[in-house]
Amino acid sequence: MRNRRILISGAGIAGPALAYWLRRHGFDPTVVERAPTPRRGGQAVDVRGVAIDLVERMGIIDQVRAAQVGTKGMSLVNATGKPVASLEGGFGVIDDRDVEILREDLGGILREAGGSDVEYLFGDSITALTQDEIGVEVTFERAGSRTFDLVIGADGLHSGVRALAFGEESRFVHQLDDLYLAIFTTPNHLGLDHWQLGHSAPGLTASITSVRDDTEARAVFFFTAKDPRLGDRDPHGQMRILKDTFAGMGWEVPRLMDFMPDAPDFYFDTMSQVRMDSWSAGRVALVGDAGYGASPLSGQGTSLALVGAYVLAGELAAADGDHPVAFARYAERMRNFVELNQKLALGAAKHLAPKTRAGVWLQRANLRMLRHLPWKDAMIRAITKEVREASVAIELKDYRRVPA
């Protein structure tokens, strides 16, 4: 088989999943990750549709289900904390097979599934790529240069591999409705029992959800803004912006802001989508958010990463490592699936952070009304129909497997 030595940048979801399938097909993957250790934090992610089939094929479905968040429902509250609308269940798990799991837990399960045969290089990153007819010379920030047959960027929205091989990020990353997202771990100081509480004001939404059997919680903030300071990538600057933006909001927001400086996993970024005409350039290709991030608004980013990893590895195996053939077939099989799932995010921002008082009132009224409708379940199925259809909009080819 040609092109067995494959470097993957990124150890989140797409990277470890790709490493697993490549190893199963007889390739020799190495994963490099900028963070010194596996990244903590992030909100719960959804695994549904054909992605559940892949988790079953990997033999990790029991571990994934054992780690699911198990949120029972959510309530919208007013500025004093009084519930004004509630709904049991929710829209994350829209089918009995769906799983909602913390991103860090799913990543850990995937890395463990790959076994000790997959080499991981934590605390390093790629600074240069030089391609020729026989391979890619990779320059690392810390380690010495090495040559690989192929390089795959699985390094997220701000992909370094994409920047090196395809060009400036601004060509591909598109922010949705001036929307921003911040997440960090907090104590479950409200004693929530597998429950989510949320509070909205015009252009702002704050929520807290208990996780890990209620031993901790995740604080999540959405807001819309046009502020030149928002381009600051310094976490301390981002925290100041978040605190200024939500100043005076009420409810539990001041307490959550007090917890923020001590959080081990503060995350702040735009809600953006990655759109590209091609996911490969010579011996370099992209998978997951790096190539076709749909944004958290779609609820399908994790499933896209899992499916993309499976298809990319499978097409490389089916082509005996012939990368031009494999990359073309990967793109052909994934393009419609990606476009349908990216479409889910468009227009969804108004539901997360209504921009007017009327929008906030309508959000609460709709949730309050939905709870009491006798046809509630049918209405939720109708609302989520597009998600369910997009989640299964690809046929999983049974790729040949090469013994490791």
Protein backbone atom coordinates (compact mmCIF):
# COMPACT_ATOMS: atom_id res chain seq x y z
CA MET A 1 0.00 0.00 0.00
CA ARG A 2 1.24 3.50 -0.89
CA ASN A 3 1.34 6.48 1.45
CA ARG A 4 1.15 4.60 4.74
CA ARG A 5 2.75 7.29 6.92
CA ILE A 6 0.06 9.86 7.65
CA LEU A 7 0.32 12.85 9.99
CA ILE A 8 -2.93 14.13 11.52
CA SER A 9 -3.04 17.57 13.13
CA GLY A 10 -5.59 17.77 15.96
CA ALA A 11 -6.53 15.37 18.77
CA GLY A 12 -10.13 16.47 19.35
CA ILE A 13 -12.80 14.35 17.66
CA ALA A 14 -12.01 14.05 13.94
CA GLY A 15 -8.29 13.38 14.53
CA PRO A 16 -8.59 10.37 16.87
CA ALA A 17 -11.50 8.96 14.83
CA LEU A 18 -9.42 9.20 11.65
CA ALA A 19 -6.41 7.63 13.37
CA TYR A 20 -8.58 4.72 14.51
CA TRP A 21 -9.87 3.94 11.01
CA LEU A 22 -6.51 4.47 9.33
CA ARG A 23 -4.90 2.01 11.73
CA ARG A 24 -7.67 -0.52 11.06
CA HIS A 25 -6.93 -0.22 7.33
CA GLY A 26 -3.20 -0.79 7.76
CA PHE A 27 -1.89 2.79 7.69
CA ASP A 28 0.60 4.24 10.17
CA PRO A 29 -0.97 7.42 11.65
CA THR A 30 0.68 9.98 13.91
CA VAL A 31 -1.38 12.66 15.67
CA VAL A 32 0.09 16.02 16.67
CA GLU A 33 -1.77 18.31 19.09
CA ARG A 34 -0.86 21.85 20.09
CA ALA A 35 -2.23 21.48 23.63
CA PRO A 36 0.16 19.86 26.14
CA THR A 37 -2.52 17.38 27.25
CA PRO A 38 -5.95 16.33 25.93
CA ARG A 39 -8.18 19.41 25.96
CA ARG A 40 -10.79 19.75 28.66
CA GLY A 41 -14.08 21.56 28.53
CA GLY A 42 -16.62 22.36 25.86
CA GLN A 43 -20.32 21.83 25.86
CA ALA A 44 -22.18 18.60 25.32
CA VAL A 45 -22.20 17.41 21.70
CA ASP A 46 -24.72 15.28 19.86
CA VAL A 47 -24.05 11.99 18.09
CA ARG A 48 -26.92 10.89 15.91
CA GLY A 49 -27.95 9.26 12.65
CA VAL A 50 -25.21 7.47 10.73
CA ALA A 51 -22.65 8.64 13.30
CA ILE A 52 -24.28 6.30 15.82
CA ASP A 53 -23.80 3.46 13.32
CA LEU A 54 -20.09 4.30 13.18
CA VAL A 55 -19.76 4.36 16.97
CA GLU A 56 -21.33 0.90 16.98
CA ARG A 57 -18.93 -0.34 14.28
CA MET A 58 -16.02 0.94 16.37
CA GLY A 59 -17.23 -1.15 19.31
CA ILE A 60 -17.41 1.85 21.67
CA ILE A 61 -21.16 2.39 21.86
CA ASP A 62 -21.36 1.09 25.44
CA GLN A 63 -18.67 3.50 26.65
CA VAL A 64 -20.32 6.38 24.81
CA ARG A 65 -23.75 5.67 26.25
CA ALA A 66 -22.31 5.23 29.74
CA ALA A 67 -20.80 8.72 29.49
CA GLN A 68 -23.87 10.51 28.12
CA VAL A 69 -24.91 13.70 29.90
CA GLY A 70 -28.50 12.64 30.54
CA THR A 71 -30.06 16.12 30.67
CA LYS A 72 -33.74 15.73 31.57
CA GLY A 73 -34.95 19.12 30.39
CA MET A 74 -34.59 22.86 30.56
CA SER A 75 -36.26 25.96 31.98
CA LEU A 76 -36.16 29.58 30.93
CA VAL A 77 -36.04 31.92 33.92
CA ASN A 78 -36.51 35.65 34.41
CA ALA A 79 -33.99 38.05 35.95
CA THR A 80 -34.89 36.94 39.48
CA GLY A 81 -34.50 33.23 38.66
CA LYS A 82 -38.22 32.43 38.53
CA PRO A 83 -39.02 29.77 35.88
CA VAL A 84 -41.22 31.23 33.15
CA ALA A 85 -41.22 28.26 30.75
CA SER A 86 -39.99 24.67 30.97
CA LEU A 87 -39.72 21.65 28.72
CA GLU A 88 -38.79 18.10 29.58
CA GLY A 89 -36.39 16.40 27.21
CA GLY A 90 -35.22 18.87 24.62
CA PHE A 91 -33.83 19.10 21.12
CA GLY A 92 -30.37 17.60 21.64
CA VAL A 93 -31.64 14.02 21.79
CA ILE A 94 -34.33 13.85 19.12
CA ASP A 95 -34.28 10.10 18.57
CA ASP A 96 -33.99 7.16 20.97
CA ARG A 97 -30.60 6.23 19.48
CA ASP A 98 -29.09 9.71 19.87
CA VAL A 99 -26.39 10.36 22.45
CA GLU A 100 -25.51 13.66 24.11
CA ILE A 101 -22.00 13.52 25.56
CA LEU A 102 -19.34 15.97 26.68
CA ARG A 103 -16.87 16.64 23.91
CA GLU A 104 -13.87 15.84 26.11
CA ASP A 105 -15.36 12.47 27.11
CA LEU A 106 -16.01 11.44 23.51
CA GLY A 107 -12.48 12.47 22.54
CA GLY A 108 -11.02 10.37 25.33
CA ILE A 109 -13.02 7.32 24.28
CA LEU A 110 -11.89 7.71 20.67
CA ARG A 111 -8.22 8.05 21.63
CA GLU A 112 -8.43 4.96 23.81
CA ALA A 113 -10.10 3.01 21.00
CA GLY A 114 -7.13 3.75 18.74
CA GLY A 115 -4.86 1.87 21.10
CA SER A 116 -1.16 2.26 21.77
CA ASP A 117 -0.28 1.76 18.10
CA VAL A 118 -1.26 5.37 17.33
CA GLU A 119 1.54 7.83 18.09
CA TYR A 120 0.41 11.07 19.78
CA LEU A 121 2.64 14.16 19.97
CA PHE A 122 1.14 16.56 22.51
CA GLY A 123 2.46 20.05 23.08
CA ASP A 124 3.60 20.63 19.52
CA SER A 125 2.28 22.04 16.24
CA ILE A 126 3.06 22.26 12.54
CA THR A 127 4.80 25.45 11.37
CA ALA A 128 5.61 24.60 7.75
CA LEU A 129 4.70 22.07 5.04
CA THR A 130 6.82 21.39 1.98
CA GLN A 131 5.36 18.99 -0.59
CA ASP A 132 7.04 17.13 -3.44
CA GLU A 133 6.32 14.04 -5.52
CA ILE A 134 7.22 11.61 -2.77
CA GLY A 135 6.00 13.19 0.48
CA VAL A 136 5.53 16.17 2.76
CA GLU A 137 8.36 17.57 4.85
CA VAL A 138 6.81 18.80 8.09
CA THR A 139 8.47 21.38 10.31
CA PHE A 140 7.29 21.34 13.92
CA GLU A 141 7.40 24.12 16.47
CA ARG A 142 9.36 22.00 18.94
CA ALA A 143 10.30 18.62 17.48
CA GLY A 144 12.67 18.09 14.59
CA SER A 145 11.43 17.99 11.00
CA ARG A 146 9.94 14.74 9.73
CA THR A 147 8.66 13.51 6.37
CA PHE A 148 5.23 11.96 5.97
CA ASP A 149 3.43 10.63 2.92
CA LEU A 150 0.24 12.61 3.65
CA VAL A 151 -0.88 15.31 6.09
CA ILE A 152 -4.47 15.68 7.29
CA GLY A 153 -5.75 18.79 9.05
CA ALA A 154 -8.25 17.87 11.77
CA ASP A 155 -7.40 20.96 13.79
CA GLY A 156 -10.71 22.77 13.97
CA LEU A 157 -12.15 26.12 13.01
CA HIS A 158 -8.80 27.96 13.11
CA SER A 159 -6.89 25.17 11.37
CA GLY A 160 -3.17 25.74 11.05
CA VAL A 161 -2.91 23.09 8.34
CA ARG A 162 -5.61 24.84 6.32
CA ALA A 163 -3.75 28.15 6.60
CA LEU A 164 -0.46 26.59 5.44
CA ALA A 165 -1.88 24.57 2.54
CA PHE A 166 -4.93 26.55 1.39
CA GLY A 167 -4.46 30.17 2.44
CA GLU A 168 -5.84 32.92 4.66
CA GLU A 169 -8.58 31.92 7.11
CA SER A 170 -10.83 34.82 6.13
CA ARG A 171 -11.43 33.18 2.74
CA PHE A 172 -13.11 30.18 4.32
CA VAL A 173 -14.46 31.04 7.79
CA HIS A 174 -17.81 32.87 7.83
CA GLN A 175 -19.34 34.17 11.05
CA LEU A 176 -23.09 33.63 11.44
CA ASP A 177 -25.23 36.64 12.44
CA ASP A 178 -22.46 38.39 14.44
CA LEU A 179 -22.87 35.64 17.05
CA TYR A 180 -20.28 34.68 19.69
CA LEU A 181 -20.04 31.75 22.06
CA ALA A 182 -18.30 31.33 25.42
CA ILE A 183 -18.18 28.17 27.57
CA PHE A 184 -16.48 27.23 30.82
CA THR A 185 -16.82 24.78 33.71
CA THR A 186 -18.36 25.97 36.97
CA PRO A 187 -19.49 24.40 40.24
CA ASN A 188 -23.07 23.17 40.21
CA HIS A 189 -23.86 25.84 42.80
CA LEU A 190 -27.60 25.71 42.10
CA GLY A 191 -27.83 21.99 42.79
CA LEU A 192 -29.29 21.25 39.36
CA ASP A 193 -30.44 17.68 38.79
CA HIS A 194 -29.59 16.88 35.15
CA TRP A 195 -31.24 20.14 34.20
CA GLN A 196 -30.52 23.31 32.24
CA LEU A 197 -31.50 26.85 33.17
CA GLY A 198 -31.38 29.73 30.69
CA HIS A 199 -32.00 33.45 30.78
CA SER A 200 -32.23 35.81 27.80
CA ALA A 201 -32.13 39.54 27.23
CA PRO A 202 -32.00 41.27 23.83
CA GLY A 203 -28.93 39.91 22.05
CA LEU A 204 -27.78 37.93 25.11
CA THR A 205 -28.38 34.42 26.42
CA ALA A 206 -26.78 32.81 29.47
CA SER A 207 -27.33 29.23 30.60
CA ILE A 208 -26.00 26.68 33.03
CA THR A 209 -26.35 22.90 32.73
CA SER A 210 -25.36 20.27 35.27
CA VAL A 211 -23.02 17.54 33.97
CA ARG A 212 -21.06 14.54 35.26
CA ASP A 213 -23.95 13.29 37.40
CA ASP A 214 -24.45 16.83 38.72
CA THR A 215 -20.95 17.10 40.22
CA GLU A 216 -20.17 20.13 38.05
CA ALA A 217 -21.80 22.37 35.48
CA ARG A 218 -21.12 24.14 32.18
CA ALA A 219 -21.87 27.84 31.79
CA VAL A 220 -22.67 28.82 28.20
CA PHE A 221 -23.06 32.35 26.84
CA PHE A 222 -24.33 33.46 23.43
CA PHE A 223 -24.34 37.06 22.32
CA THR A 224 -24.45 39.19 19.20
CA ALA A 225 -22.05 42.11 18.86
CA LYS A 226 -19.87 44.18 16.56
CA ASP A 227 -16.93 45.15 18.74
CA PRO A 228 -13.35 45.58 17.45
CA ARG A 229 -12.01 44.10 20.70
CA LEU A 230 -13.61 40.77 19.81
CA GLY A 231 -10.70 39.95 17.55
CA ASP A 232 -8.50 39.68 20.65
CA ARG A 233 -7.36 36.05 21.09
CA ASP A 234 -6.02 36.66 24.61
CA PRO A 235 -8.18 34.75 27.13
CA HIS A 236 -7.94 37.50 29.74
CA GLY A 237 -9.10 40.06 27.21
CA GLN A 238 -11.92 37.77 26.14
CA MET A 239 -13.04 37.37 29.75
CA ARG A 240 -13.14 41.16 30.15
CA ILE A 241 -15.26 41.47 27.01
CA LEU A 242 -17.65 38.78 28.19
CA LYS A 243 -18.01 40.37 31.62
CA ASP A 244 -18.60 43.83 30.10
CA THR A 245 -21.12 42.45 27.62
CA PHE A 246 -23.23 40.73 30.28
CA ALA A 247 -22.85 43.41 32.96
CA GLY A 248 -26.19 44.23 34.57
CA MET A 249 -28.00 41.20 33.14
CA GLY A 250 -29.08 39.82 36.51
CA TRP A 251 -30.07 36.26 37.40
CA GLU A 252 -26.97 34.11 38.14
CA VAL A 253 -24.75 35.89 35.62
CA PRO A 254 -22.69 37.85 38.23
CA ARG A 255 -21.98 34.62 40.14
CA LEU A 256 -20.99 32.82 36.94
CA MET A 257 -18.65 35.66 36.06
CA ASP A 258 -17.03 35.28 39.48
CA PHE A 259 -16.37 31.61 38.70
CA MET A 260 -14.94 32.38 35.25
CA PRO A 261 -11.31 33.35 36.15
CA ASP A 262 -10.75 30.02 37.92
CA ALA A 263 -12.24 27.88 35.14
CA PRO A 264 -9.67 25.41 33.73
CA ASP A 265 -11.24 25.35 30.28
CA PHE A 266 -12.42 28.82 29.22
CA TYR A 267 -13.48 28.89 25.54
CA PHE A 268 -14.48 31.94 23.51
CA ASP A 269 -15.01 32.19 19.76
CA THR A 270 -17.27 33.23 16.93
CA MET A 271 -20.13 31.05 15.80
CA SER A 272 -18.78 30.41 12.33
CA GLN A 273 -19.03 28.05 9.41
CA VAL A 274 -16.22 26.80 7.17
CA ARG A 275 -17.03 26.71 3.46
CA MET A 276 -14.51 25.48 0.90
CA ASP A 277 -14.64 24.39 -2.74
CA SER A 278 -11.98 21.75 -2.16
CA TRP A 279 -10.77 19.87 0.92
CA SER A 280 -7.45 18.74 -0.54
CA ALA A 281 -4.32 20.34 -1.97
CA GLY A 282 -1.77 17.87 -3.23
CA ARG A 283 -0.82 15.58 -0.35
CA VAL A 284 -2.75 17.59 2.24
CA ALA A 285 -6.45 17.18 3.08
CA LEU A 286 -8.90 18.42 5.70
CA VAL A 287 -11.50 16.64 7.81
CA GLY A 288 -14.14 17.80 10.30
CA ASP A 289 -14.37 21.45 11.37
CA ALA A 290 -11.12 22.33 9.60
CA GLY A 291 -12.73 21.68 6.22
CA TYR A 292 -16.47 21.96 6.75
CA GLY A 293 -17.30 23.11 10.26
CA ALA A 294 -21.05 23.63 10.44
CA SER A 295 -20.93 25.62 13.73
CA PRO A 296 -22.56 24.49 17.00
CA LEU A 297 -25.82 25.95 15.65
CA SER A 298 -26.21 22.87 13.44
CA GLY A 299 -25.91 20.33 16.26
CA GLN A 300 -24.13 18.16 13.68
CA GLY A 301 -20.46 19.14 13.90
CA THR A 302 -19.45 16.02 15.81
CA SER A 303 -21.37 13.70 13.50
CA LEU A 304 -19.77 15.39 10.47
CA ALA A 305 -16.34 14.81 12.01
CA LEU A 306 -17.00 11.13 12.73
CA VAL A 307 -18.45 10.44 9.29
CA GLY A 308 -15.75 12.43 7.48
CA ALA A 309 -13.00 10.50 9.27
CA TYR A 310 -14.58 7.17 8.34
CA VAL A 311 -15.05 8.09 4.68
CA LEU A 312 -11.57 9.61 4.27
CA ALA A 313 -9.82 6.60 5.80
CA GLY A 314 -12.02 4.20 3.86
CA GLU A 315 -11.39 5.87 0.51
CA LEU A 316 -7.64 5.88 1.13
CA ALA A 317 -7.82 2.14 1.84
CA ALA A 318 -10.05 1.43 -1.16
CA ALA A 319 -7.59 3.30 -3.41
CA ASP A 320 -4.55 1.47 -1.92
CA GLY A 321 -3.22 4.81 -0.71
CA ASP A 322 -3.55 6.59 -4.08
CA HIS A 323 -4.29 9.99 -2.56
CA PRO A 324 -5.54 11.92 -5.63
CA VAL A 325 -8.14 9.21 -6.26
CA ALA A 326 -9.03 8.85 -2.58
CA PHE A 327 -9.33 12.59 -1.89
CA ALA A 328 -11.58 13.06 -4.94
CA ARG A 329 -13.87 10.20 -3.90
CA TYR A 330 -13.94 11.48 -0.30
CA ALA A 331 -15.12 14.88 -1.49
CA GLU A 332 -17.69 13.36 -3.84
CA ARG A 333 -19.21 11.18 -1.12
CA MET A 334 -19.20 13.87 1.58
CA ARG A 335 -20.26 17.04 -0.30
CA ASN A 336 -24.06 16.61 -0.17
CA PHE A 337 -23.96 15.38 3.44
CA VAL A 338 -21.91 18.41 4.46
CA GLU A 339 -24.12 20.91 2.65
CA LEU A 340 -27.35 19.53 4.15
CA ASN A 341 -25.92 19.64 7.67
CA GLN A 342 -24.42 23.10 7.27
CA LYS A 343 -27.81 24.36 6.10
CA LEU A 344 -29.22 23.49 9.54
CA ALA A 345 -27.22 26.30 11.13
CA LEU A 346 -28.35 29.09 8.82
CA GLY A 347 -30.99 31.26 10.45
CA ALA A 348 -30.77 29.45 13.80
CA ALA A 349 -29.01 32.29 15.64
CA LYS A 350 -32.22 34.20 16.33
CA HIS A 351 -33.42 31.31 18.50
CA LEU A 352 -30.33 31.41 20.72
CA ALA A 353 -30.00 35.13 21.33
CA PRO A 354 -33.14 37.04 20.27
CA LYS A 355 -32.15 40.61 19.41
CA THR A 356 -35.29 42.37 20.70
CA ARG A 357 -37.49 42.31 23.80
CA ALA A 358 -40.32 41.06 21.60
CA GLY A 359 -38.10 38.20 20.46
CA VAL A 360 -37.27 37.26 24.06
CA TRP A 361 -40.97 37.33 24.98
CA LEU A 362 -41.83 35.18 21.95
CA GLN A 363 -39.13 32.67 22.85
CA ARG A 364 -40.59 32.21 26.32
CA ALA A 365 -44.18 32.15 25.08
CA ASN A 366 -43.47 29.49 22.47
CA LEU A 367 -41.74 27.22 24.99
CA ARG A 368 -44.50 27.76 27.56
CA MET A 369 -47.19 26.96 24.99
CA LEU A 370 -45.38 23.93 23.56
CA ARG A 371 -45.32 22.21 26.94
CA HIS A 372 -49.12 22.18 27.19
CA LEU A 373 -50.04 21.23 23.64
CA PRO A 374 -51.53 17.72 23.36
CA TRP A 375 -49.67 17.30 20.09
CA LYS A 376 -46.35 18.45 21.57
CA ASP A 377 -44.44 15.32 20.51
CA ALA A 378 -45.70 15.57 16.94
CA MET A 379 -44.72 19.23 16.80
CA ILE A 380 -41.21 18.52 18.09
CA ARG A 381 -40.83 15.78 15.47
CA ALA A 382 -41.88 18.25 12.80
CA ILE A 383 -39.45 20.89 14.07
CA THR A 384 -36.57 18.41 14.15
CA LYS A 385 -37.43 16.63 10.89
CA GLU A 386 -34.75 18.47 8.93
CA VAL A 387 -32.09 17.50 11.47
CA ARG A 388 -33.10 13.84 11.44
CA GLU A 389 -33.10 13.72 7.65
CA ALA A 390 -29.72 15.45 7.35
CA SER A 391 -28.17 13.11 9.94
CA VAL A 392 -28.76 10.05 7.73
CA ALA A 393 -28.20 11.68 4.34
CA ILE A 394 -25.21 9.53 3.41
CA GLU A 395 -24.77 5.83 2.75
CA LEU A 396 -21.91 4.34 4.73
CA LYS A 397 -19.89 2.28 2.30
CA ASP A 398 -18.48 -0.96 3.70
CA TYR A 399 -14.80 -0.33 2.97
CA ARG A 400 -12.43 -3.23 2.72
CA ARG A 401 -10.30 -3.69 5.79
CA VAL A 402 -6.61 -4.37 5.71
CA PRO A 403 -5.28 -6.29 8.75
CA ALA A 404 -3.03 -4.11 10.91
